[in-house]
Amino acid sequence: PLRPAPELAWSQARREFNRLRSAYAAHECDPMAVLRLPALSDVTVPSTGRFVEAFAEAQALETDAFPPREHAAAFVAAVEKAQRAWQAARDAAERIRLSRLSPDERHAVERVIKLLTTARDSDSDAERLTAYARARTELGKLDRAGIIHMPRTAQAALDVAGRGQLPA
């Protein structure tokens, strides 16, 4: 097959890497996504660990301007590897879901998902803020117990949502 010119391949890889970075950030910043696929935020899960390493490798090779050819080729290869690793980590996380948790732990995670759903869907400020507060408390317990690893970005999103909007 005809290979694209190095500069074109590099620029396509940059676009692909930005899409990958966005997908990863979207997961890491969404408490609900983390609760549904906790393995995707847990580097002790081998496929997730491999993704995080591959992602870091591509990130280290990323440049703003077209680099020397060998560097560009290394970046293109690193992005392809990171994309494969992301897909493998997502697939594994989909298979695992909450299966590694005990029934009590699973029940606790499902309770937090229900609280977050209530908080998101409620028209009542009081109900929404109470649900967020309870969800944050429950998540803190799960995180401290090592049951769910809640990324700081997802925790920050919860904190902002839980403060609610001040009336105008």
C-alpha atoms as a PDB file:
ATOM      1  CA  PRO A   1       0.000   0.000   0.000  1.00  0.00           C
ATOM      2  CA  LEU A   2       1.051   3.561  -0.695  1.00  0.00           C
ATOM      3  CA  ARG A   3       2.324   5.240   2.469  1.00  0.00           C
ATOM      4  CA  PRO A   4       1.444   8.881   3.068  1.00  0.00           C
ATOM      5  CA  ALA A   5       4.232  11.450   3.053  1.00  0.00           C
ATOM      6  CA  PRO A   6       5.913  11.681   6.497  1.00  0.00           C
ATOM      7  CA  GLU A   7       4.499  15.156   7.184  1.00  0.00           C
ATOM      8  CA  LEU A   8       0.979  14.028   6.259  1.00  0.00           C
ATOM      9  CA  ALA A   9       1.270  10.873   8.398  1.00  0.00           C
ATOM     10  CA  TRP A  10       2.537  12.992  11.326  1.00  0.00           C
ATOM     11  CA  SER A  11      -0.287  15.510  10.990  1.00  0.00           C
ATOM     12  CA  GLN A  12      -2.908  12.711  10.796  1.00  0.00           C
ATOM     13  CA  ALA A  13      -1.339  11.130  13.890  1.00  0.00           C
ATOM     14  CA  ARG A  14      -1.616  14.484  15.718  1.00  0.00           C
ATOM     15  CA  ARG A  15      -5.341  14.650  14.904  1.00  0.00           C
ATOM     16  CA  GLU A  16      -5.806  11.038  16.016  1.00  0.00           C
ATOM     17  CA  PHE A  17      -3.868  11.694  19.233  1.00  0.00           C
ATOM     18  CA  ASN A  18      -6.030  14.738  20.004  1.00  0.00           C
ATOM     19  CA  ARG A  19      -9.150  12.580  19.534  1.00  0.00           C
ATOM     20  CA  LEU A  20      -7.658   9.931  21.817  1.00  0.00           C
ATOM     21  CA  ARG A  21      -6.708  12.548  24.426  1.00  0.00           C
ATOM     22  CA  SER A  22     -10.291  13.888  24.321  1.00  0.00           C
ATOM     23  CA  ALA A  23     -11.822  10.419  24.736  1.00  0.00           C
ATOM     24  CA  TYR A  24      -9.517   9.626  27.674  1.00  0.00           C
ATOM     25  CA  ALA A  25     -10.174  13.014  29.320  1.00  0.00           C
ATOM     26  CA  ALA A  26     -13.929  12.625  28.810  1.00  0.00           C
ATOM     27  CA  HIS A  27     -13.788   9.340  30.737  1.00  0.00           C
ATOM     28  CA  GLU A  28     -11.493  10.649  33.479  1.00  0.00           C
ATOM     29  CA  CYS A  29     -13.653  13.762  34.047  1.00  0.00           C
ATOM     30  CA  ASP A  30     -16.993  11.921  34.171  1.00  0.00           C
ATOM     31  CA  PRO A  31     -17.749  10.282  37.533  1.00  0.00           C
ATOM     32  CA  MET A  32     -20.603   8.295  35.958  1.00  0.00           C
ATOM     33  CA  ALA A  33     -18.292   6.892  33.246  1.00  0.00           C
ATOM     34  CA  VAL A  34     -15.721   5.937  35.900  1.00  0.00           C
ATOM     35  CA  LEU A  35     -18.393   4.152  37.947  1.00  0.00           C
ATOM     36  CA  ARG A  36     -19.682   2.276  34.907  1.00  0.00           C
ATOM     37  CA  LEU A  37     -16.192   1.253  33.701  1.00  0.00           C
ATOM     38  CA  PRO A  38     -13.979   1.470  36.797  1.00  0.00           C
ATOM     39  CA  ALA A  39     -11.238  -0.697  35.248  1.00  0.00           C
ATOM     40  CA  LEU A  40     -10.541   2.062  32.706  1.00  0.00           C
ATOM     41  CA  SER A  41      -9.317   4.310  35.555  1.00  0.00           C
ATOM     42  CA  ASP A  42      -7.412   1.586  37.394  1.00  0.00           C
ATOM     43  CA  VAL A  43      -3.780   1.236  36.279  1.00  0.00           C
ATOM     44  CA  THR A  44      -3.485  -2.033  38.215  1.00  0.00           C
ATOM     45  CA  VAL A  45      -5.682  -3.554  35.475  1.00  0.00           C
ATOM     46  CA  PRO A  46      -3.013  -4.715  32.969  1.00  0.00           C
ATOM     47  CA  SER A  47      -4.729  -3.393  29.824  1.00  0.00           C
ATOM     48  CA  THR A  48      -5.281   0.024  31.457  1.00  0.00           C
ATOM     49  CA  GLY A  49      -1.667   0.128  32.659  1.00  0.00           C
ATOM     50  CA  ARG A  50      -0.476  -0.649  29.120  1.00  0.00           C
ATOM     51  CA  PHE A  51      -2.700   2.122  27.724  1.00  0.00           C
ATOM     52  CA  VAL A  52      -1.434   4.711  30.233  1.00  0.00           C
ATOM     53  CA  GLU A  53       2.181   3.811  29.341  1.00  0.00           C
ATOM     54  CA  ALA A  54       1.486   3.950  25.586  1.00  0.00           C
ATOM     55  CA  PHE A  55      -0.386   7.245  25.992  1.00  0.00           C
ATOM     56  CA  ALA A  56       2.514   8.749  27.959  1.00  0.00           C
ATOM     57  CA  GLU A  57       4.978   7.553  25.306  1.00  0.00           C
ATOM     58  CA  ALA A  58       2.975   9.237  22.517  1.00  0.00           C
ATOM     59  CA  GLN A  59       2.585  12.368  24.636  1.00  0.00           C
ATOM     60  CA  ALA A  60       6.349  12.527  25.198  1.00  0.00           C
ATOM     61  CA  LEU A  61       6.939  12.377  21.427  1.00  0.00           C
ATOM     62  CA  GLU A  62       4.280  14.964  20.562  1.00  0.00           C
ATOM     63  CA  THR A  63       5.561  18.201  19.008  1.00  0.00           C
ATOM     64  CA  ASP A  64       3.818  21.352  17.785  1.00  0.00           C
ATOM     65  CA  ALA A  65       5.835  21.547  14.575  1.00  0.00           C
ATOM     66  CA  PHE A  66       6.873  18.762  12.188  1.00  0.00           C
ATOM     67  CA  PRO A  67       9.960  17.161  13.802  1.00  0.00           C
ATOM     68  CA  PRO A  68      12.861  15.320  12.113  1.00  0.00           C
ATOM     69  CA  ARG A  69      11.638  12.289  10.128  1.00  0.00           C
ATOM     70  CA  GLU A  70      12.721   9.630  12.664  1.00  0.00           C
ATOM     71  CA  HIS A  71      10.959  11.506  15.463  1.00  0.00           C
ATOM     72  CA  ALA A  72       7.818  11.913  13.321  1.00  0.00           C
ATOM     73  CA  ALA A  73       7.821   8.190  12.503  1.00  0.00           C
ATOM     74  CA  ALA A  74       8.252   7.312  16.191  1.00  0.00           C
ATOM     75  CA  PHE A  75       5.308   9.578  17.079  1.00  0.00           C
ATOM     76  CA  VAL A  76       3.085   8.009  14.384  1.00  0.00           C
ATOM     77  CA  ALA A  77       3.957   4.514  15.682  1.00  0.00           C
ATOM     78  CA  ALA A  78       3.400   5.580  19.310  1.00  0.00           C
ATOM     79  CA  VAL A  79      -0.035   7.016  18.494  1.00  0.00           C
ATOM     80  CA  GLU A  80      -1.038   3.815  16.686  1.00  0.00           C
ATOM     81  CA  LYS A  81       0.134   1.785  19.694  1.00  0.00           C
ATOM     82  CA  ALA A  82      -1.764   4.077  22.110  1.00  0.00           C
ATOM     83  CA  GLN A  83      -4.936   3.765  20.018  1.00  0.00           C
ATOM     84  CA  ARG A  84      -4.722  -0.043  20.026  1.00  0.00           C
ATOM     85  CA  ALA A  85      -4.029  -0.005  23.776  1.00  0.00           C
ATOM     86  CA  TRP A  86      -7.019   2.325  24.405  1.00  0.00           C
ATOM     87  CA  GLN A  87      -9.331   0.008  22.462  1.00  0.00           C
ATOM     88  CA  ALA A  88      -7.994  -3.022  24.361  1.00  0.00           C
ATOM     89  CA  ALA A  89      -8.379  -1.223  27.714  1.00  0.00           C
ATOM     90  CA  ARG A  90     -11.950  -0.141  26.838  1.00  0.00           C
ATOM     91  CA  ASP A  91     -12.848  -3.664  25.711  1.00  0.00           C
ATOM     92  CA  ALA A  92     -11.420  -5.159  28.913  1.00  0.00           C
ATOM     93  CA  ALA A  93     -13.196  -2.546  31.065  1.00  0.00           C
ATOM     94  CA  GLU A  94     -16.489  -3.320  29.268  1.00  0.00           C
ATOM     95  CA  ARG A  95     -16.012  -7.040  29.992  1.00  0.00           C
ATOM     96  CA  ILE A  96     -14.990  -6.453  33.623  1.00  0.00           C
ATOM     97  CA  ARG A  97     -17.539  -3.710  34.480  1.00  0.00           C
ATOM     98  CA  LEU A  98     -18.281  -4.370  38.179  1.00  0.00           C
ATOM     99  CA  SER A  99     -17.479  -8.103  38.137  1.00  0.00           C
ATOM    100  CA  ARG A 100     -14.368  -7.710  40.323  1.00  0.00           C
ATOM    101  CA  LEU A 101     -16.451  -6.255  43.151  1.00  0.00           C
ATOM    102  CA  SER A 102     -18.201  -8.155  45.897  1.00  0.00           C
ATOM    103  CA  PRO A 103     -22.021  -8.004  45.881  1.00  0.00           C
ATOM    104  CA  ASP A 104     -21.908  -5.365  48.667  1.00  0.00           C
ATOM    105  CA  GLU A 105     -19.345  -3.254  46.787  1.00  0.00           C
ATOM    106  CA  ARG A 106     -21.360  -3.566  43.564  1.00  0.00           C
ATOM    107  CA  HIS A 107     -24.477  -2.491  45.455  1.00  0.00           C
ATOM    108  CA  ALA A 108     -22.605   0.554  46.833  1.00  0.00           C
ATOM    109  CA  VAL A 109     -21.453   1.559  43.315  1.00  0.00           C
ATOM    110  CA  GLU A 110     -24.981   1.110  41.951  1.00  0.00           C
ATOM    111  CA  ARG A 111     -26.296   3.276  44.814  1.00  0.00           C
ATOM    112  CA  VAL A 112     -23.842   6.067  43.865  1.00  0.00           C
ATOM    113  CA  ILE A 113     -24.880   5.789  40.185  1.00  0.00           C
ATOM    114  CA  LYS A 114     -28.516   6.120  41.277  1.00  0.00           C
ATOM    115  CA  LEU A 115     -27.677   9.177  43.435  1.00  0.00           C
ATOM    116  CA  LEU A 116     -25.781  10.820  40.566  1.00  0.00           C
ATOM    117  CA  THR A 117     -28.664  10.102  38.190  1.00  0.00           C
ATOM    118  CA  THR A 118     -31.093  11.681  40.663  1.00  0.00           C
ATOM    119  CA  ALA A 119     -28.772  14.683  41.073  1.00  0.00           C
ATOM    120  CA  ARG A 120     -28.426  15.111  37.305  1.00  0.00           C
ATOM    121  CA  ASP A 121     -32.145  14.718  36.536  1.00  0.00           C
ATOM    122  CA  SER A 122     -33.744  16.510  39.494  1.00  0.00           C
ATOM    123  CA  ASP A 123     -35.525  19.846  39.064  1.00  0.00           C
ATOM    124  CA  SER A 124     -35.261  20.527  42.803  1.00  0.00           C
ATOM    125  CA  ASP A 125     -32.078  22.304  43.924  1.00  0.00           C
ATOM    126  CA  ALA A 126     -32.373  20.837  47.417  1.00  0.00           C
ATOM    127  CA  GLU A 127     -32.825  17.280  46.129  1.00  0.00           C
ATOM    128  CA  ARG A 128     -29.978  17.712  43.623  1.00  0.00           C
ATOM    129  CA  LEU A 129     -27.527  19.095  46.202  1.00  0.00           C
ATOM    130  CA  THR A 130     -28.457  16.388  48.748  1.00  0.00           C
ATOM    131  CA  ALA A 131     -27.966  13.649  46.141  1.00  0.00           C
ATOM    132  CA  TYR A 132     -24.570  15.079  45.108  1.00  0.00           C
ATOM    133  CA  ALA A 133     -23.475  15.349  48.743  1.00  0.00           C
ATOM    134  CA  ARG A 134     -24.491  11.746  49.478  1.00  0.00           C
ATOM    135  CA  ALA A 135     -22.841  10.531  46.269  1.00  0.00           C
ATOM    136  CA  ARG A 136     -19.581  12.330  47.156  1.00  0.00           C
ATOM    137  CA  THR A 137     -19.624  10.806  50.665  1.00  0.00           C
ATOM    138  CA  GLU A 138     -20.265   7.289  49.303  1.00  0.00           C
ATOM    139  CA  LEU A 139     -17.600   7.728  46.606  1.00  0.00           C
ATOM    140  CA  GLY A 140     -15.081   8.899  49.190  1.00  0.00           C
ATOM    141  CA  LYS A 141     -15.629   5.668  51.137  1.00  0.00           C
ATOM    142  CA  LEU A 142     -15.291   3.546  47.973  1.00  0.00           C
ATOM    143  CA  ASP A 143     -12.140   5.424  46.946  1.00  0.00           C
ATOM    144  CA  ARG A 144     -10.509   5.177  50.402  1.00  0.00           C
ATOM    145  CA  ALA A 145     -11.320   1.462  50.527  1.00  0.00           C
ATOM    146  CA  GLY A 146      -9.605   1.014  47.137  1.00  0.00           C
ATOM    147  CA  ILE A 147     -12.825  -0.296  45.567  1.00  0.00           C
ATOM    148  CA  ILE A 148     -13.134   2.469  42.967  1.00  0.00           C
ATOM    149  CA  HIS A 149     -10.296   4.755  41.921  1.00  0.00           C
ATOM    150  CA  MET A 150     -11.958   8.111  41.247  1.00  0.00           C
ATOM    151  CA  PRO A 151      -9.594  10.320  39.216  1.00  0.00           C
ATOM    152  CA  ARG A 152      -9.050  13.811  40.670  1.00  0.00           C
ATOM    153  CA  THR A 153     -10.628  15.298  37.536  1.00  0.00           C
ATOM    154  CA  ALA A 154     -13.861  13.329  38.072  1.00  0.00           C
ATOM    155  CA  GLN A 155     -13.806  14.260  41.760  1.00  0.00           C
ATOM    156  CA  ALA A 156     -13.418  17.936  40.811  1.00  0.00           C
ATOM    157  CA  ALA A 157     -16.376  17.694  38.405  1.00  0.00           C
ATOM    158  CA  LEU A 158     -18.470  16.265  41.259  1.00  0.00           C
ATOM    159  CA  ASP A 159     -17.338  18.998  43.639  1.00  0.00           C
ATOM    160  CA  VAL A 160     -18.354  21.723  41.169  1.00  0.00           C
ATOM    161  CA  ALA A 161     -21.713  20.070  40.470  1.00  0.00           C
ATOM    162  CA  GLY A 162     -22.299  19.508  44.184  1.00  0.00           C
ATOM    163  CA  ARG A 163     -21.831  23.167  45.035  1.00  0.00           C
ATOM    164  CA  GLY A 164     -24.770  24.003  42.798  1.00  0.00           C
ATOM    165  CA  GLN A 165     -25.480  27.356  41.267  1.00  0.00           C
ATOM    166  CA  LEU A 166     -26.044  30.366  43.456  1.00  0.00           C
ATOM    167  CA  PRO A 167     -29.344  32.053  42.659  1.00  0.00           C
ATOM    168  CA  ALA A 168     -28.940  35.230  40.596  1.00  0.00           C
END
